[in-house]
């Protein structure tokens, strides 16, 4: 997961990055079924965001806010994977309840 976060922090905040991120987390899900839920939650956030702005202009303030939040959620997910089951569940609930943007 650290590798994914490192990759993400070097990317541009455009929709192409979100699509690539989604593909990367789905690939990770295939390779790490023990943490399937966290990968699917991250993919769902990205898919919702991409669907909302696909074919629409993406205002820079929204792009910046969403990108920052996605990085935070990916870091949270990575930390949770090494924690106890109870702490993992708490993190999963926080990730599930999160929004990339407040629009």
PDB file of N, CA and C in Angstrom:
ATOM      1  N   UNK A   1       0.827  -1.197   0.000  1.00  0.00           N
ATOM      2  CA  UNK A   1       0.000   0.000   0.000  1.00  0.00           C
ATOM      3  C   UNK A   1       0.870   1.259   0.000  1.00  0.00           C
ATOM      4  N   UNK A   2       2.020   1.176   0.654  1.00  0.00           N
ATOM      5  CA  UNK A   2       2.922   2.330   0.654  1.00  0.00           C
ATOM      6  C   UNK A   2       3.340   2.702  -0.764  1.00  0.00           C
ATOM      7  N   UNK A   3       3.568   1.691  -1.582  1.00  0.00           N
ATOM      8  CA  UNK A   3       3.962   1.937  -2.970  1.00  0.00           C
ATOM      9  C   UNK A   3       2.846   2.681  -3.719  1.00  0.00           C
ATOM     10  N   UNK A   4       1.600   2.301  -3.456  1.00  0.00           N
ATOM     11  CA  UNK A   4       0.469   2.974  -4.086  1.00  0.00           C
ATOM     12  C   UNK A   4       0.377   4.425  -3.643  1.00  0.00           C
ATOM     13  N   UNK A   5       0.538   4.666  -2.360  1.00  0.00           N
ATOM     14  CA  UNK A   5       0.487   6.042  -1.838  1.00  0.00           C
ATOM     15  C   UNK A   5       1.630   6.863  -2.423  1.00  0.00           C
ATOM     16  N   UNK A   6       2.814   6.282  -2.477  1.00  0.00           N
ATOM     17  CA  UNK A   6       3.958   6.995  -3.064  1.00  0.00           C
ATOM     18  C   UNK A   6       3.691   7.336  -4.522  1.00  0.00           C
ATOM     19  N   UNK A   7       3.143   6.396  -5.271  1.00  0.00           N
ATOM     20  CA  UNK A   7       2.798   6.660  -6.666  1.00  0.00           C
ATOM     21  C   UNK A   7       1.781   7.793  -6.749  1.00  0.00           C
ATOM     22  N   UNK A   8       0.745   7.709  -5.920  1.00  0.00           N
ATOM     23  CA  UNK A   8      -0.334   8.692  -5.968  1.00  0.00           C
ATOM     24  C   UNK A   8       0.185  10.102  -5.700  1.00  0.00           C
ATOM     25  N   UNK A   9       1.072  10.247  -4.743  1.00  0.00           N
ATOM     26  CA  UNK A   9       1.554  11.584  -4.387  1.00  0.00           C
ATOM     27  C   UNK A   9       2.415  12.211  -5.477  1.00  0.00           C
ATOM     28  N   UNK A  10       2.834  11.429  -6.466  1.00  0.00           N
ATOM     29  CA  UNK A  10       3.633  11.983  -7.559  1.00  0.00           C
ATOM     30  C   UNK A  10       2.788  12.294  -8.788  1.00  0.00           C
ATOM     31  N   UNK A  11       1.495  12.066  -8.699  1.00  0.00           N
ATOM     32  CA  UNK A  11       0.614  12.223  -9.856  1.00  0.00           C
ATOM     33  C   UNK A  11      -0.070  13.586  -9.874  1.00  0.00           C
ATOM     34  N   UNK A  12      -0.594  13.922 -11.041  1.00  0.00           N
ATOM     35  CA  UNK A  12      -1.405  15.112 -11.240  1.00  0.00           C
ATOM     36  C   UNK A  12      -2.802  14.812 -10.704  1.00  0.00           C
ATOM     37  N   UNK A  13      -3.557  15.836 -10.344  1.00  0.00           N
ATOM     38  CA  UNK A  13      -4.877  15.609  -9.739  1.00  0.00           C
ATOM     39  C   UNK A  13      -6.009  15.526 -10.765  1.00  0.00           C
ATOM     40  N   UNK A  14      -5.703  15.166 -11.992  1.00  0.00           N
ATOM     41  CA  UNK A  14      -6.723  15.045 -13.026  1.00  0.00           C
ATOM     42  C   UNK A  14      -7.429  13.697 -13.003  1.00  0.00           C
ATOM     43  N   UNK A  15      -8.499  13.605 -13.783  1.00  0.00           N
ATOM     44  CA  UNK A  15      -9.319  12.389 -13.800  1.00  0.00           C
ATOM     45  C   UNK A  15      -8.546  11.160 -14.274  1.00  0.00           C
ATOM     46  N   UNK A  16      -7.559  11.350 -15.111  1.00  0.00           N
ATOM     47  CA  UNK A  16      -6.754  10.216 -15.574  1.00  0.00           C
ATOM     48  C   UNK A  16      -6.062   9.520 -14.392  1.00  0.00           C
ATOM     49  N   UNK A  17      -5.612  10.298 -13.423  1.00  0.00           N
ATOM     50  CA  UNK A  17      -4.982   9.721 -12.226  1.00  0.00           C
ATOM     51  C   UNK A  17      -5.985   8.904 -11.431  1.00  0.00           C
ATOM     52  N   UNK A  18      -7.204   9.389 -11.324  1.00  0.00           N
ATOM     53  CA  UNK A  18      -8.230   8.656 -10.583  1.00  0.00           C
ATOM     54  C   UNK A  18      -8.546   7.323 -11.249  1.00  0.00           C
ATOM     55  N   UNK A  19      -8.609   7.348 -12.572  1.00  0.00           N
ATOM     56  CA  UNK A  19      -8.864   6.098 -13.306  1.00  0.00           C
ATOM     57  C   UNK A  19      -7.713   5.105 -13.113  1.00  0.00           C
ATOM     58  N   UNK A  20      -6.496   5.606 -13.166  1.00  0.00           N
ATOM     59  CA  UNK A  20      -5.329   4.735 -12.957  1.00  0.00           C
ATOM     60  C   UNK A  20      -5.302   4.211 -11.518  1.00  0.00           C
ATOM     61  N   UNK A  21      -5.645   5.066 -10.570  1.00  0.00           N
ATOM     62  CA  UNK A  21      -5.693   4.653  -9.169  1.00  0.00           C
ATOM     63  C   UNK A  21      -6.718   3.539  -8.980  1.00  0.00           C
ATOM     64  N   UNK A  22      -7.875   3.705  -9.586  1.00  0.00           N
ATOM     65  CA  UNK A  22      -8.911   2.675  -9.478  1.00  0.00           C
ATOM     66  C   UNK A  22      -8.395   1.339  -9.999  1.00  0.00           C
ATOM     67  N   UNK A  23      -7.736   1.363 -11.137  1.00  0.00           N
ATOM     68  CA  UNK A  23      -7.191   0.120 -11.700  1.00  0.00           C
ATOM     69  C   UNK A  23      -6.139  -0.486 -10.773  1.00  0.00           C
ATOM     70  N   UNK A  24      -5.322   0.348 -10.176  1.00  0.00           N
ATOM     71  CA  UNK A  24      -4.279  -0.140  -9.275  1.00  0.00           C
ATOM     72  C   UNK A  24      -4.880  -0.775  -8.019  1.00  0.00           C
ATOM     73  N   UNK A  25      -5.908  -0.148  -7.433  1.00  0.00           N
ATOM     74  CA  UNK A  25      -6.483  -0.740  -6.221  1.00  0.00           C
ATOM     75  C   UNK A  25      -7.251  -2.021  -6.541  1.00  0.00           C
ATOM     76  N   UNK A  26      -7.856  -2.086  -7.697  1.00  0.00           N
ATOM     77  CA  UNK A  26      -8.541  -3.330  -8.069  1.00  0.00           C
ATOM     78  C   UNK A  26      -7.540  -4.451  -8.312  1.00  0.00           C
ATOM     79  N   UNK A  27      -6.383  -4.110  -8.854  1.00  0.00           N
ATOM     80  CA  UNK A  27      -5.318  -5.111  -9.014  1.00  0.00           C
ATOM     81  C   UNK A  27      -4.806  -5.564  -7.645  1.00  0.00           C
ATOM     82  N   UNK A  28      -4.640  -4.625  -6.734  1.00  0.00           N
ATOM     83  CA  UNK A  28      -4.217  -4.978  -5.383  1.00  0.00           C
ATOM     84  C   UNK A  28      -5.251  -5.882  -4.709  1.00  0.00           C
ATOM     85  N   UNK A  29      -6.514  -5.623  -4.968  1.00  0.00           N
ATOM     86  CA  UNK A  29      -7.581  -6.458  -4.393  1.00  0.00           C
ATOM     87  C   UNK A  29      -7.454  -7.898  -4.859  1.00  0.00           C
ATOM     88  N   UNK A  30      -7.105  -8.081  -6.123  1.00  0.00           N
ATOM     89  CA  UNK A  30      -6.925  -9.442  -6.644  1.00  0.00           C
ATOM     90  C   UNK A  30      -5.749 -10.143  -5.978  1.00  0.00           C
ATOM     91  N   UNK A  31      -4.710  -9.379  -5.660  1.00  0.00           N
ATOM     92  CA  UNK A  31      -3.494  -9.954  -5.096  1.00  0.00           C
ATOM     93  C   UNK A  31      -3.503 -10.038  -3.573  1.00  0.00           C
ATOM     94  N   UNK A  32      -4.430  -9.359  -2.931  1.00  0.00           N
ATOM     95  CA  UNK A  32      -4.474  -9.321  -1.463  1.00  0.00           C
ATOM     96  C   UNK A  32      -5.923  -9.434  -0.990  1.00  0.00           C
ATOM     97  N   UNK A  33      -6.529 -10.622  -1.141  1.00  0.00           N
ATOM     98  CA  UNK A  33      -7.943 -10.766  -0.797  1.00  0.00           C
ATOM     99  C   UNK A  33      -8.239 -10.568   0.691  1.00  0.00           C
ATOM    100  N   UNK A  34      -7.217 -10.611   1.521  1.00  0.00           N
ATOM    101  CA  UNK A  34      -7.426 -10.383   2.954  1.00  0.00           C
ATOM    102  C   UNK A  34      -7.878  -8.947   3.227  1.00  0.00           C
ATOM    103  N   UNK A  35      -7.523  -8.033   2.334  1.00  0.00           N
ATOM    104  CA  UNK A  35      -7.887  -6.621   2.505  1.00  0.00           C
ATOM    105  C   UNK A  35      -8.796  -6.123   1.383  1.00  0.00           C
ATOM    106  N   UNK A  36      -9.581  -7.020   0.856  1.00  0.00           N
ATOM    107  CA  UNK A  36     -10.456  -6.732  -0.274  1.00  0.00           C
ATOM    108  C   UNK A  36     -11.371  -5.530  -0.027  1.00  0.00           C
ATOM    109  N   UNK A  37     -11.925  -5.439   1.149  1.00  0.00           N
ATOM    110  CA  UNK A  37     -12.890  -4.373   1.454  1.00  0.00           C
ATOM    111  C   UNK A  37     -12.252  -2.994   1.334  1.00  0.00           C
ATOM    112  N   UNK A  38     -11.073  -2.836   1.854  1.00  0.00           N
ATOM    113  CA  UNK A  38     -10.439  -1.516   1.801  1.00  0.00           C
ATOM    114  C   UNK A  38     -10.169  -1.111   0.353  1.00  0.00           C
ATOM    115  N   UNK A  39      -9.748  -2.046  -0.470  1.00  0.00           N
ATOM    116  CA  UNK A  39      -9.490  -1.729  -1.870  1.00  0.00           C
ATOM    117  C   UNK A  39     -10.784  -1.384  -2.600  1.00  0.00           C
ATOM    118  N   UNK A  40     -11.841  -2.111  -2.325  1.00  0.00           N
ATOM    119  CA  UNK A  40     -13.125  -1.824  -2.965  1.00  0.00           C
ATOM    120  C   UNK A  40     -13.690  -0.479  -2.510  1.00  0.00           C
ATOM    121  N   UNK A  41     -13.497  -0.133  -1.248  1.00  0.00           N
ATOM    122  CA  UNK A  41     -13.959   1.175  -0.777  1.00  0.00           C
ATOM    123  C   UNK A  41     -13.223   2.305  -1.487  1.00  0.00           C
ATOM    124  N   UNK A  42     -11.918   2.177  -1.613  1.00  0.00           N
ATOM    125  CA  UNK A  42     -11.150   3.203  -2.313  1.00  0.00           C
ATOM    126  C   UNK A  42     -11.575   3.292  -3.775  1.00  0.00           C
ATOM    127  N   UNK A  43     -11.758   2.149  -4.405  1.00  0.00           N
ATOM    128  CA  UNK A  43     -12.196   2.135  -5.806  1.00  0.00           C
ATOM    129  C   UNK A  43     -13.582   2.767  -5.945  1.00  0.00           C
ATOM    130  N   UNK A  44     -14.464   2.510  -5.004  1.00  0.00           N
ATOM    131  CA  UNK A  44     -15.814   3.078  -5.062  1.00  0.00           C
ATOM    132  C   UNK A  44     -15.783   4.599  -4.945  1.00  0.00           C
ATOM    133  N   UNK A  45     -14.943   5.114  -4.059  1.00  0.00           N
ATOM    134  CA  UNK A  45     -14.815   6.574  -3.937  1.00  0.00           C
ATOM    135  C   UNK A  45     -14.346   7.187  -5.252  1.00  0.00           C
ATOM    136  N   UNK A  46     -13.344   6.571  -5.830  1.00  0.00           N
ATOM    137  CA  UNK A  46     -12.793   7.087  -7.078  1.00  0.00           C
ATOM    138  C   UNK A  46     -13.820   6.988  -8.208  1.00  0.00           C
ATOM    139  N   UNK A  47     -14.501   5.873  -8.312  1.00  0.00           N
ATOM    140  CA  UNK A  47     -15.500   5.680  -9.371  1.00  0.00           C
ATOM    141  C   UNK A  47     -16.605   6.727  -9.239  1.00  0.00           C
ATOM    142  N   UNK A  48     -17.080   6.971  -8.037  1.00  0.00           N
ATOM    143  CA  UNK A  48     -18.123   7.975  -7.811  1.00  0.00           C
ATOM    144  C   UNK A  48     -17.644   9.353  -8.245  1.00  0.00           C
ATOM    145  N   UNK A  49     -16.418   9.683  -7.905  1.00  0.00           N
ATOM    146  CA  UNK A  49     -15.850  10.980  -8.270  1.00  0.00           C
ATOM    147  C   UNK A  49     -15.707  11.108  -9.780  1.00  0.00           C
ATOM    148  N   UNK A  50     -15.154  10.101 -10.410  1.00  0.00           N
ATOM    149  CA  UNK A  50     -14.967  10.127 -11.863  1.00  0.00           C
ATOM    150  C   UNK A  50     -16.320  10.228 -12.566  1.00  0.00           C
ATOM    151  N   UNK A  51     -17.287   9.463 -12.120  1.00  0.00           N
ATOM    152  CA  UNK A  51     -18.614   9.510 -12.735  1.00  0.00           C
ATOM    153  C   UNK A  51     -19.255  10.888 -12.597  1.00  0.00           C
ATOM    154  N   UNK A  52     -19.021  11.544 -11.482  1.00  0.00           N
ATOM    155  CA  UNK A  52     -19.613  12.859 -11.246  1.00  0.00           C
ATOM    156  C   UNK A  52     -19.012  13.926 -12.157  1.00  0.00           C
ATOM    157  N   UNK A  53     -17.737  13.772 -12.523  1.00  0.00           N
ATOM    158  CA  UNK A  53     -17.070  14.820 -13.279  1.00  0.00           C
ATOM    159  C   UNK A  53     -16.645  14.402 -14.678  1.00  0.00           C
ATOM    160  N   UNK A  54     -16.960  13.181 -15.077  1.00  0.00           N
ATOM    161  CA  UNK A  54     -16.596  12.735 -16.413  1.00  0.00           C
ATOM    162  C   UNK A  54     -17.336  13.586 -17.441  1.00  0.00           C
ATOM    163  N   UNK A  55     -16.603  14.062 -18.422  1.00  0.00           N
ATOM    164  CA  UNK A  55     -17.144  14.908 -19.493  1.00  0.00           C
ATOM    165  C   UNK A  55     -17.554  16.298 -18.991  1.00  0.00           C
ATOM    166  N   UNK A  56     -17.195  16.630 -17.773  1.00  0.00           N
ATOM    167  CA  UNK A  56     -17.485  17.951 -17.212  1.00  0.00           C
ATOM    168  C   UNK A  56     -16.159  18.628 -16.873  1.00  0.00           C
ATOM    169  N   UNK A  57     -16.121  19.947 -16.906  1.00  0.00           N
ATOM    170  CA  UNK A  57     -14.898  20.627 -16.459  1.00  0.00           C
ATOM    171  C   UNK A  57     -14.702  20.389 -14.962  1.00  0.00           C
ATOM    172  N   UNK A  58     -13.479  20.136 -14.583  1.00  0.00           N
ATOM    173  CA  UNK A  58     -13.161  19.873 -13.185  1.00  0.00           C
ATOM    174  C   UNK A  58     -12.492  21.120 -12.603  1.00  0.00           C
ATOM    175  N   UNK A  59     -13.245  21.883 -11.804  1.00  0.00           N
ATOM    176  CA  UNK A  59     -12.669  23.098 -11.215  1.00  0.00           C
ATOM    177  C   UNK A  59     -11.436  22.759 -10.367  1.00  0.00           C
ATOM    178  N   UNK A  60     -10.426  23.616 -10.432  1.00  0.00           N
ATOM    179  CA  UNK A  60      -9.159  23.317  -9.766  1.00  0.00           C
ATOM    180  C   UNK A  60      -9.303  23.187  -8.254  1.00  0.00           C
ATOM    181  N   UNK A  61     -10.177  23.972  -7.633  1.00  0.00           N
ATOM    182  CA  UNK A  61     -10.335  23.853  -6.183  1.00  0.00           C
ATOM    183  C   UNK A  61     -10.941  22.502  -5.802  1.00  0.00           C
ATOM    184  N   UNK A  62     -11.864  22.013  -6.595  1.00  0.00           N
ATOM    185  CA  UNK A  62     -12.456  20.696  -6.345  1.00  0.00           C
ATOM    186  C   UNK A  62     -11.424  19.606  -6.611  1.00  0.00           C
ATOM    187  N   UNK A  63     -10.659  19.755  -7.678  1.00  0.00           N
ATOM    188  CA  UNK A  63      -9.619  18.770  -7.987  1.00  0.00           C
ATOM    189  C   UNK A  63      -8.597  18.693  -6.860  1.00  0.00           C
ATOM    190  N   UNK A  64      -8.172  19.842  -6.354  1.00  0.00           N
ATOM    191  CA  UNK A  64      -7.191  19.862  -5.260  1.00  0.00           C
ATOM    192  C   UNK A  64      -7.749  19.240  -3.993  1.00  0.00           C
ATOM    193  N   UNK A  65      -8.992  19.587  -3.642  1.00  0.00           N
ATOM    194  CA  UNK A  65      -9.627  19.056  -2.430  1.00  0.00           C
ATOM    195  C   UNK A  65      -9.784  17.545  -2.529  1.00  0.00           C
ATOM    196  N   UNK A  66     -10.269  17.066  -3.652  1.00  0.00           N
ATOM    197  CA  UNK A  66     -10.491  15.630  -3.824  1.00  0.00           C
ATOM    198  C   UNK A  66      -9.185  14.858  -3.798  1.00  0.00           C
ATOM    199  N   UNK A  67      -8.173  15.387  -4.450  1.00  0.00           N
ATOM    200  CA  UNK A  67      -6.885  14.705  -4.502  1.00  0.00           C
ATOM    201  C   UNK A  67      -6.265  14.606  -3.115  1.00  0.00           C
ATOM    202  N   UNK A  68      -6.309  15.701  -2.381  1.00  0.00           N
ATOM    203  CA  UNK A  68      -5.774  15.707  -1.009  1.00  0.00           C
ATOM    204  C   UNK A  68      -6.508  14.675  -0.159  1.00  0.00           C
ATOM    205  N   UNK A  69      -7.818  14.620  -0.287  1.00  0.00           N
ATOM    206  CA  UNK A  69      -8.618  13.680   0.496  1.00  0.00           C
ATOM    207  C   UNK A  69      -8.322  12.235   0.083  1.00  0.00           C
ATOM    208  N   UNK A  70      -8.144  11.985  -1.208  1.00  0.00           N
ATOM    209  CA  UNK A  70      -7.830  10.636  -1.660  1.00  0.00           C
ATOM    210  C   UNK A  70      -6.488  10.172  -1.101  1.00  0.00           C
ATOM    211  N   UNK A  71      -5.507  11.044  -1.094  1.00  0.00           N
ATOM    212  CA  UNK A  71      -4.206  10.695  -0.512  1.00  0.00           C
ATOM    213  C   UNK A  71      -4.376  10.364   0.969  1.00  0.00           C
ATOM    214  N   UNK A  72      -5.147  11.173   1.693  1.00  0.00           N
ATOM    215  CA  UNK A  72      -5.388  10.919   3.117  1.00  0.00           C
ATOM    216  C   UNK A  72      -6.061   9.562   3.331  1.00  0.00           C
ATOM    217  N   UNK A  73      -7.059   9.256   2.510  1.00  0.00           N
ATOM    218  CA  UNK A  73      -7.770   7.980   2.653  1.00  0.00           C
ATOM    219  C   UNK A  73      -6.861   6.804   2.325  1.00  0.00           C
ATOM    220  N   UNK A  74      -6.022   6.945   1.321  1.00  0.00           N
ATOM    221  CA  UNK A  74      -5.090   5.868   0.974  1.00  0.00           C
ATOM    222  C   UNK A  74      -4.084   5.642   2.100  1.00  0.00           C
ATOM    223  N   UNK A  75      -3.598   6.717   2.700  1.00  0.00           N
ATOM    224  CA  UNK A  75      -2.681   6.583   3.839  1.00  0.00           C
ATOM    225  C   UNK A  75      -3.383   5.915   5.018  1.00  0.00           C
ATOM    226  N   UNK A  76      -4.613   6.333   5.291  1.00  0.00           N
ATOM    227  CA  UNK A  76      -5.392   5.742   6.380  1.00  0.00           C
ATOM    228  C   UNK A  76      -5.580   4.252   6.136  1.00  0.00           C
ATOM    229  N   UNK A  77      -5.890   3.891   4.910  1.00  0.00           N
ATOM    230  CA  UNK A  77      -6.096   2.484   4.560  1.00  0.00           C
ATOM    231  C   UNK A  77      -4.823   1.681   4.775  1.00  0.00           C
ATOM    232  N   UNK A  78      -3.703   2.235   4.353  1.00  0.00           N
ATOM    233  CA  UNK A  78      -2.434   1.545   4.530  1.00  0.00           C
ATOM    234  C   UNK A  78      -2.096   1.311   5.981  1.00  0.00           C
ATOM    235  N   UNK A  79      -2.308   2.308   6.810  1.00  0.00           N
ATOM    236  CA  UNK A  79      -2.046   2.156   8.250  1.00  0.00           C
ATOM    237  C   UNK A  79      -2.982   1.122   8.861  1.00  0.00           C
ATOM    238  N   UNK A  80      -4.224   1.132   8.440  1.00  0.00           N
ATOM    239  CA  UNK A  80      -5.223   0.225   9.014  1.00  0.00           C
ATOM    240  C   UNK A  80      -4.886  -1.232   8.740  1.00  0.00           C
ATOM    241  N   UNK A  81      -4.271  -1.495   7.611  1.00  0.00           N
ATOM    242  CA  UNK A  81      -3.977  -2.879   7.235  1.00  0.00           C
ATOM    243  C   UNK A  81      -3.049  -3.574   8.232  1.00  0.00           C
ATOM    244  N   UNK A  82      -2.278  -2.804   8.961  1.00  0.00           N
ATOM    245  CA  UNK A  82      -1.336  -3.375   9.925  1.00  0.00           C
ATOM    246  C   UNK A  82      -1.870  -3.348  11.356  1.00  0.00           C
ATOM    247  N   UNK A  83      -3.109  -2.914  11.524  1.00  0.00           N
ATOM    248  CA  UNK A  83      -3.671  -2.771  12.867  1.00  0.00           C
ATOM    249  C   UNK A  83      -4.536  -3.971  13.238  1.00  0.00           C
ATOM    250  N   UNK A  84      -5.021  -3.928  14.455  1.00  0.00           N
ATOM    251  CA  UNK A  84      -5.909  -4.982  14.944  1.00  0.00           C
ATOM    252  C   UNK A  84      -7.216  -4.968  14.162  1.00  0.00           C
ATOM    253  N   UNK A  85      -7.956  -6.053  14.266  1.00  0.00           N
ATOM    254  CA  UNK A  85      -9.236  -6.151  13.547  1.00  0.00           C
ATOM    255  C   UNK A  85     -10.181  -5.022  13.948  1.00  0.00           C
ATOM    256  N   UNK A  86     -10.227  -4.698  15.220  1.00  0.00           N
ATOM    257  CA  UNK A  86     -11.117  -3.628  15.687  1.00  0.00           C
ATOM    258  C   UNK A  86     -10.713  -2.281  15.094  1.00  0.00           C
ATOM    259  N   UNK A  87      -9.413  -2.019  15.053  1.00  0.00           N
ATOM    260  CA  UNK A  87      -8.935  -0.763  14.485  1.00  0.00           C
ATOM    261  C   UNK A  87      -9.132  -0.735  12.972  1.00  0.00           C
ATOM    262  N   UNK A  88      -8.987  -1.889  12.325  1.00  0.00           N
ATOM    263  CA  UNK A  88      -9.250  -1.966  10.894  1.00  0.00           C
ATOM    264  C   UNK A  88     -10.708  -1.639  10.605  1.00  0.00           C
ATOM    265  N   UNK A  89     -11.607  -2.189  11.405  1.00  0.00           N
ATOM    266  CA  UNK A  89     -13.024  -1.930  11.206  1.00  0.00           C
ATOM    267  C   UNK A  89     -13.349  -0.453  11.395  1.00  0.00           C
ATOM    268  N   UNK A  90     -12.753   0.162  12.384  1.00  0.00           N
ATOM    269  CA  UNK A  90     -12.967   1.590  12.616  1.00  0.00           C
ATOM    270  C   UNK A  90     -12.493   2.397  11.405  1.00  0.00           C
ATOM    271  N   UNK A  91     -11.312   2.071  10.896  1.00  0.00           N
ATOM    272  CA  UNK A  91     -10.781   2.775   9.727  1.00  0.00           C
ATOM    273  C   UNK A  91     -11.653   2.540   8.498  1.00  0.00           C
ATOM    274  N   UNK A  92     -12.113   1.310   8.310  1.00  0.00           N
ATOM    275  CA  UNK A  92     -12.988   1.009   7.171  1.00  0.00           C
ATOM    276  C   UNK A  92     -14.272   1.831   7.237  1.00  0.00           C
ATOM    277  N   UNK A  93     -14.828   1.959   8.424  1.00  0.00           N
ATOM    278  CA  UNK A  93     -16.034   2.770   8.584  1.00  0.00           C
ATOM    279  C   UNK A  93     -15.757   4.234   8.261  1.00  0.00           C
ATOM    280  N   UNK A  94     -14.608   4.746   8.686  1.00  0.00           N
ATOM    281  CA  UNK A  94     -14.247   6.135   8.383  1.00  0.00           C
ATOM    282  C   UNK A  94     -14.063   6.318   6.878  1.00  0.00           C
ATOM    283  N   UNK A  95     -13.409   5.365   6.244  1.00  0.00           N
ATOM    284  CA  UNK A  95     -13.205   5.462   4.795  1.00  0.00           C
ATOM    285  C   UNK A  95     -14.538   5.391   4.072  1.00  0.00           C
ATOM    286  N   UNK A  96     -15.406   4.498   4.494  1.00  0.00           N
ATOM    287  CA  UNK A  96     -16.713   4.359   3.856  1.00  0.00           C
ATOM    288  C   UNK A  96     -17.554   5.623   3.995  1.00  0.00           C
ATOM    289  N   UNK A  97     -17.434   6.308   5.116  1.00  0.00           N
ATOM    290  CA  UNK A  97     -18.235   7.498   5.370  1.00  0.00           C
ATOM    291  C   UNK A  97     -17.643   8.758   4.745  1.00  0.00           C
ATOM    292  N   UNK A  98     -16.402   8.687   4.317  1.00  0.00           N
ATOM    293  CA  UNK A  98     -15.710   9.858   3.780  1.00  0.00           C
ATOM    294  C   UNK A  98     -16.261  10.257   2.411  1.00  0.00           C
ATOM    295  N   UNK A  99     -15.997  11.506   2.068  1.00  0.00           N
ATOM    296  CA  UNK A  99     -16.317  12.020   0.734  1.00  0.00           C
ATOM    297  C   UNK A  99     -15.052  12.675   0.198  1.00  0.00           C
ATOM    298  N   UNK A 100     -14.833  12.515  -1.082  1.00  0.00           N
ATOM    299  CA  UNK A 100     -13.665  13.161  -1.675  1.00  0.00           C
ATOM    300  C   UNK A 100     -13.872  14.662  -1.790  1.00  0.00           C
ATOM    301  N   UNK A 101     -15.096  15.076  -2.029  1.00  0.00           N
ATOM    302  CA  UNK A 101     -15.397  16.514  -2.118  1.00  0.00           C
ATOM    303  C   UNK A 101     -16.708  16.801  -1.418  1.00  0.00           C
ATOM    304  N   UNK A 102     -16.816  18.025  -0.966  1.00  0.00           N
ATOM    305  CA  UNK A 102     -18.056  18.481  -0.356  1.00  0.00           C
ATOM    306  C   UNK A 102     -18.767  19.383  -1.360  1.00  0.00           C
ATOM    307  N   UNK A 103     -19.551  18.737  -2.232  1.00  0.00           N
ATOM    308  CA  UNK A 103     -20.302  19.515  -3.232  1.00  0.00           C
ATOM    309  C   UNK A 103     -21.769  19.229  -3.119  1.00  0.00           C
TER     310      UNK A 103
END
